N, C-alpha and C. Protein backbone atom coordinates (compact mmCIF):
# COMPACT_ATOMS: atom_id res chain seq x y z
N MET A 1 24.32 -67.69 275.77
CA MET A 1 25.04 -66.17 275.60
C MET A 1 24.43 -65.21 276.70
N SER A 2 24.78 -65.02 277.60
CA SER A 2 24.25 -63.85 278.40
C SER A 2 24.23 -62.80 277.74
N ILE A 3 23.27 -61.84 278.37
CA ILE A 3 22.72 -60.57 277.89
C ILE A 3 24.22 -59.61 277.78
N ILE A 4 24.89 -59.80 278.78
CA ILE A 4 26.13 -59.06 278.77
C ILE A 4 27.36 -59.42 277.45
N GLU A 5 27.03 -60.80 277.36
CA GLU A 5 28.09 -61.47 276.34
C GLU A 5 27.44 -60.59 275.03
N LYS A 6 26.17 -60.40 274.46
CA LYS A 6 25.65 -60.14 273.68
C LYS A 6 26.02 -58.58 273.32
N ILE A 7 26.33 -57.73 274.40
CA ILE A 7 26.64 -56.49 274.57
C ILE A 7 27.93 -56.49 274.12
N GLN A 8 28.80 -57.08 274.64
CA GLN A 8 29.95 -56.92 274.42
C GLN A 8 30.68 -57.28 272.97
N ASN A 9 29.64 -58.34 272.45
CA ASN A 9 29.85 -59.12 271.18
C ASN A 9 29.47 -58.06 269.90
N GLN A 10 28.10 -56.79 270.61
CA GLN A 10 27.92 -56.09 269.43
C GLN A 10 29.05 -54.89 269.34
N LEU A 11 29.57 -54.70 270.77
CA LEU A 11 30.63 -53.63 270.85
C LEU A 11 32.01 -54.10 269.97
N SER A 12 32.20 -55.31 270.41
CA SER A 12 33.49 -55.64 269.29
C SER A 12 33.38 -55.76 267.92
N GLU A 13 31.96 -56.06 267.37
CA GLU A 13 32.00 -56.30 266.09
C GLU A 13 31.57 -54.81 265.25
N ASN A 14 31.29 -53.80 266.29
CA ASN A 14 31.24 -52.66 265.64
C ASN A 14 31.78 -51.44 266.06
N ARG A 15 32.73 -50.77 265.38
CA ARG A 15 33.59 -49.73 265.93
C ARG A 15 33.08 -48.50 266.31
N VAL A 16 31.78 -48.16 265.80
CA VAL A 16 30.88 -46.85 266.18
C VAL A 16 29.36 -47.62 266.32
N LEU A 17 29.18 -47.60 267.31
CA LEU A 17 27.65 -47.97 267.59
C LEU A 17 26.88 -47.21 268.57
N LEU A 18 25.52 -46.78 267.99
CA LEU A 18 24.81 -46.04 268.72
C LEU A 18 23.49 -46.76 269.29
N TYR A 19 23.50 -46.81 270.63
CA TYR A 19 22.39 -47.47 271.22
C TYR A 19 21.19 -46.21 271.20
N MET A 20 19.97 -46.50 270.79
CA MET A 20 19.16 -45.35 270.35
C MET A 20 17.89 -45.98 270.41
N LYS A 21 16.79 -44.77 270.53
CA LYS A 21 15.58 -45.08 270.48
C LYS A 21 15.03 -44.85 268.89
N GLY A 22 14.79 -45.82 268.43
CA GLY A 22 14.30 -46.06 267.18
C GLY A 22 15.53 -46.23 266.07
N THR A 23 15.47 -45.51 264.92
CA THR A 23 16.36 -45.83 263.96
C THR A 23 16.83 -44.40 263.28
N PRO A 24 17.93 -44.50 262.82
CA PRO A 24 18.55 -43.26 262.34
C PRO A 24 17.40 -42.71 260.99
N GLU A 25 16.55 -43.58 260.56
CA GLU A 25 15.92 -43.13 259.60
C GLU A 25 14.43 -42.57 260.20
N PHE A 26 14.19 -43.08 261.48
CA PHE A 26 13.19 -42.54 262.14
C PHE A 26 12.95 -42.97 263.67
N PRO A 27 13.90 -41.93 263.85
CA PRO A 27 14.59 -41.62 265.40
C PRO A 27 13.05 -41.38 266.54
N GLN A 28 13.15 -41.96 267.62
CA GLN A 28 11.81 -41.93 268.51
C GLN A 28 12.02 -41.14 269.54
N CYS A 29 12.90 -40.39 269.49
CA CYS A 29 13.19 -39.32 270.65
C CYS A 29 14.27 -38.05 270.08
N GLY A 30 13.90 -36.84 270.77
CA GLY A 30 14.81 -35.84 270.23
C GLY A 30 16.26 -35.75 270.70
N PHE A 31 16.73 -36.62 271.43
CA PHE A 31 17.79 -36.80 271.82
C PHE A 31 18.82 -37.87 270.69
N SER A 32 18.03 -38.91 270.54
CA SER A 32 18.67 -39.67 269.33
C SER A 32 18.50 -39.10 268.24
N SER A 33 17.44 -38.36 267.88
CA SER A 33 17.47 -37.68 266.26
C SER A 33 18.98 -36.62 266.47
N ARG A 34 18.99 -36.05 267.57
CA ARG A 34 19.99 -35.09 267.45
C ARG A 34 21.48 -35.79 267.26
N VAL A 35 21.61 -36.86 267.95
CA VAL A 35 22.56 -37.71 268.10
C VAL A 35 23.29 -38.31 266.60
N VAL A 36 21.83 -38.66 265.74
CA VAL A 36 21.92 -39.04 264.36
C VAL A 36 22.62 -38.13 263.53
N GLN A 37 21.87 -36.59 263.75
CA GLN A 37 22.31 -35.52 262.89
C GLN A 37 23.56 -35.15 263.31
N ILE A 38 24.16 -35.12 264.28
CA ILE A 38 25.49 -34.96 264.34
C ILE A 38 26.61 -36.00 263.91
N LEU A 39 26.11 -37.17 264.01
CA LEU A 39 27.03 -38.13 263.28
C LEU A 39 26.86 -37.95 261.98
N ASP A 40 25.82 -37.86 261.37
CA ASP A 40 25.62 -37.62 259.77
C ASP A 40 26.29 -36.21 259.35
N ALA A 41 26.43 -35.39 259.96
CA ALA A 41 27.26 -33.95 259.92
C ALA A 41 28.87 -34.40 259.87
N CYS A 42 29.02 -35.46 260.85
CA CYS A 42 30.47 -35.72 260.52
C CYS A 42 30.74 -36.81 259.42
N ASN A 43 29.80 -37.18 258.70
CA ASN A 43 30.01 -38.15 257.61
C ASN A 43 30.62 -39.42 258.43
N ALA A 44 29.89 -39.89 259.41
CA ALA A 44 30.48 -40.96 260.17
C ALA A 44 29.69 -41.87 259.73
N GLU A 45 30.91 -43.17 259.38
CA GLU A 45 30.03 -44.56 259.58
C GLU A 45 29.82 -45.33 260.65
N TYR A 46 28.77 -45.55 260.91
CA TYR A 46 28.14 -46.12 262.23
C TYR A 46 27.12 -47.10 262.07
N ASN A 47 26.93 -48.08 262.96
CA ASN A 47 25.49 -49.14 263.11
C ASN A 47 25.28 -48.28 264.41
N HIS A 48 23.72 -48.85 264.40
CA HIS A 48 22.94 -48.53 265.43
C HIS A 48 21.85 -49.74 265.84
N PHE A 49 21.48 -49.64 267.04
CA PHE A 49 20.64 -50.61 267.53
C PHE A 49 19.51 -49.75 268.45
N ASN A 50 18.21 -50.39 267.99
CA ASN A 50 16.96 -49.81 268.53
C ASN A 50 16.61 -50.43 269.82
N ILE A 51 16.96 -49.79 270.82
CA ILE A 51 16.58 -50.35 272.31
C ILE A 51 15.27 -50.81 272.45
N PHE A 52 14.29 -50.11 271.65
CA PHE A 52 12.95 -50.57 271.87
C PHE A 52 12.72 -52.24 271.37
N GLU A 53 13.68 -52.73 270.57
CA GLU A 53 13.61 -54.19 270.08
C GLU A 53 13.86 -55.05 271.03
N ASP A 54 14.69 -54.51 272.30
CA ASP A 54 15.18 -55.67 272.90
C ASP A 54 15.10 -55.20 274.65
N GLN A 55 14.28 -55.33 275.02
CA GLN A 55 13.91 -54.88 276.67
C GLN A 55 14.79 -55.37 277.56
N GLU A 56 15.34 -56.54 277.49
CA GLU A 56 16.36 -56.88 278.60
C GLU A 56 17.93 -56.50 278.15
N LEU A 57 18.11 -56.18 276.98
CA LEU A 57 19.50 -55.44 276.42
C LEU A 57 18.92 -54.15 276.86
N ARG A 58 17.97 -53.34 276.99
CA ARG A 58 17.85 -52.35 277.06
C ARG A 58 18.14 -51.51 278.65
N GLU A 59 17.95 -52.77 279.29
CA GLU A 59 18.03 -52.75 280.92
C GLU A 59 19.33 -52.98 281.24
N ALA A 60 19.86 -53.99 280.62
CA ALA A 60 21.17 -54.61 280.89
C ALA A 60 22.19 -53.49 280.50
N LEU A 61 22.11 -52.84 279.62
CA LEU A 61 23.04 -51.87 278.99
C LEU A 61 23.22 -50.57 280.08
N LYS A 62 22.15 -50.29 280.76
CA LYS A 62 22.17 -49.10 281.59
C LYS A 62 23.20 -49.31 282.80
N GLU A 63 23.26 -50.38 283.24
CA GLU A 63 23.88 -51.29 284.17
C GLU A 63 25.49 -51.52 283.59
N TYR A 64 25.64 -51.85 282.47
CA TYR A 64 26.97 -52.23 281.76
C TYR A 64 27.45 -50.83 281.71
N SER A 65 26.94 -49.98 281.33
CA SER A 65 27.47 -48.95 280.79
C SER A 65 27.69 -47.83 282.18
N ASN A 66 26.86 -47.74 283.32
CA ASN A 66 26.79 -47.06 284.22
C ASN A 66 26.01 -46.08 283.82
N TRP A 67 25.57 -45.94 282.82
CA TRP A 67 24.85 -44.43 282.26
C TRP A 67 23.17 -44.84 282.05
N PRO A 68 22.38 -44.03 282.60
CA PRO A 68 21.01 -44.42 282.73
C PRO A 68 20.12 -44.09 281.64
N THR A 69 20.47 -43.35 280.54
CA THR A 69 19.84 -43.01 279.42
C THR A 69 20.27 -43.33 278.25
N TYR A 70 19.27 -42.85 277.56
CA TYR A 70 19.54 -43.50 275.60
C TYR A 70 19.47 -41.92 274.96
N PRO A 71 20.29 -41.60 274.06
CA PRO A 71 21.10 -42.54 273.14
C PRO A 71 22.59 -42.65 274.31
N GLN A 72 23.19 -43.79 273.54
CA GLN A 72 24.62 -44.01 274.42
C GLN A 72 25.30 -44.44 272.67
N LEU A 73 26.56 -43.34 273.00
CA LEU A 73 27.54 -43.49 271.50
C LEU A 73 28.55 -44.06 271.89
N TYR A 74 28.94 -45.29 271.27
CA TYR A 74 30.20 -46.07 271.77
C TYR A 74 31.28 -46.02 270.76
N ILE A 75 32.37 -45.74 270.82
CA ILE A 75 33.44 -45.63 269.91
C ILE A 75 34.50 -46.75 270.13
N ASP A 76 34.95 -47.78 269.23
CA ASP A 76 35.79 -48.67 269.67
C ASP A 76 35.75 -49.06 271.14
N GLY A 77 34.47 -49.63 271.34
CA GLY A 77 34.07 -50.11 272.51
C GLY A 77 33.60 -49.59 273.70
N GLN A 78 34.35 -48.28 273.65
CA GLN A 78 34.32 -47.24 274.69
C GLN A 78 32.79 -46.42 274.75
N LEU A 79 32.44 -46.28 275.88
CA LEU A 79 31.42 -45.46 276.11
C LEU A 79 31.65 -43.91 276.10
N VAL A 80 31.26 -43.27 274.65
CA VAL A 80 31.59 -41.62 274.72
C VAL A 80 30.57 -40.83 275.57
N GLY A 81 29.10 -41.49 275.36
CA GLY A 81 28.09 -40.65 276.39
C GLY A 81 27.09 -40.25 275.39
N GLY A 82 26.14 -39.62 276.08
CA GLY A 82 24.93 -39.27 275.48
C GLY A 82 24.78 -38.22 274.59
N CYS A 83 23.22 -37.46 274.47
CA CYS A 83 23.34 -36.33 273.63
C CYS A 83 23.98 -35.05 273.97
N ASP A 84 24.13 -34.90 275.54
CA ASP A 84 25.05 -33.61 275.77
C ASP A 84 26.19 -33.44 275.51
N ILE A 85 26.82 -34.54 275.98
CA ILE A 85 28.40 -35.00 275.33
C ILE A 85 28.72 -35.06 274.13
N VAL A 86 27.97 -35.94 273.21
CA VAL A 86 28.28 -35.88 272.11
C VAL A 86 28.31 -34.34 271.37
N THR A 87 27.34 -33.65 271.58
CA THR A 87 26.90 -32.40 271.07
C THR A 87 28.28 -31.51 271.60
N ASP A 88 28.54 -31.63 272.71
CA ASP A 88 29.76 -30.90 273.33
C ASP A 88 30.72 -31.25 272.68
N LEU A 89 31.25 -32.67 272.57
CA LEU A 89 32.48 -32.57 271.64
C LEU A 89 32.28 -32.43 269.98
N TYR A 90 31.22 -32.31 269.22
CA TYR A 90 31.11 -31.91 268.22
C TYR A 90 31.29 -30.52 268.02
N ASN A 91 30.75 -29.71 268.78
CA ASN A 91 30.96 -28.26 269.02
C ASN A 91 32.20 -27.89 269.00
N LYS A 92 33.08 -29.03 269.92
CA LYS A 92 34.79 -28.33 270.05
C LYS A 92 35.27 -29.37 268.79
N GLY A 93 34.93 -29.92 267.90
CA GLY A 93 35.34 -30.38 267.05
C GLY A 93 36.46 -31.59 267.03
N GLU A 94 35.93 -32.14 268.57
CA GLU A 94 36.63 -33.24 269.00
C GLU A 94 36.24 -34.54 268.63
N LEU A 95 34.68 -34.55 268.40
CA LEU A 95 34.05 -35.51 267.90
C LEU A 95 34.27 -36.39 266.50
N ALA A 96 34.88 -35.41 265.60
CA ALA A 96 35.06 -35.65 264.09
C ALA A 96 36.72 -36.38 264.19
N THR A 97 37.70 -35.93 265.27
CA THR A 97 38.65 -36.36 265.39
C THR A 97 38.51 -38.07 265.96
N MET A 98 37.73 -37.98 266.80
CA MET A 98 37.44 -39.63 267.56
C MET A 98 36.90 -40.33 266.57
N LEU A 99 36.08 -39.92 265.65
CA LEU A 99 35.24 -40.86 264.56
C LEU A 99 36.49 -41.31 263.40
N ALA A 100 37.08 -40.21 262.81
CA ALA A 100 38.05 -40.33 262.00
C ALA A 100 39.04 -41.72 262.31
N GLY A 101 39.43 -41.67 263.41
CA GLY A 101 40.17 -42.72 263.99
C GLY A 101 39.16 -44.22 264.03
N ALA A 102 38.25 -44.16 263.65
CA ALA A 102 37.40 -45.42 264.09
C ALA A 102 36.32 -45.55 262.80
N LYS A 103 37.19 -45.55 261.82
CA LYS A 103 36.38 -45.85 260.46
C LYS A 103 36.07 -47.49 260.38
N GLN A 104 34.96 -47.96 260.09
CA GLN A 104 34.59 -48.95 259.68
C GLN A 104 34.82 -49.98 258.75
């Protein structure tokens, strides 16, 4: 399986997936921590992937998504964005709506 196929499999198997630095219990950057807090505030059901666990995936995902930074939030296989976009969507009340349609 290629690294791109691995990414595609992860996205198809998880309706809401957060690629982040660390874990929700122990985020390893402030941006990842903020997105976890927002998802928790939305009572979102989501899975995560610690990008520090797979350097090849970490680099390939940047090209796959055309998004150079982490965290990256995906809903139904589509990139929502990073911390700034997720925060903006949350503040506007749009993120909860997006998540409600993506229950796992």
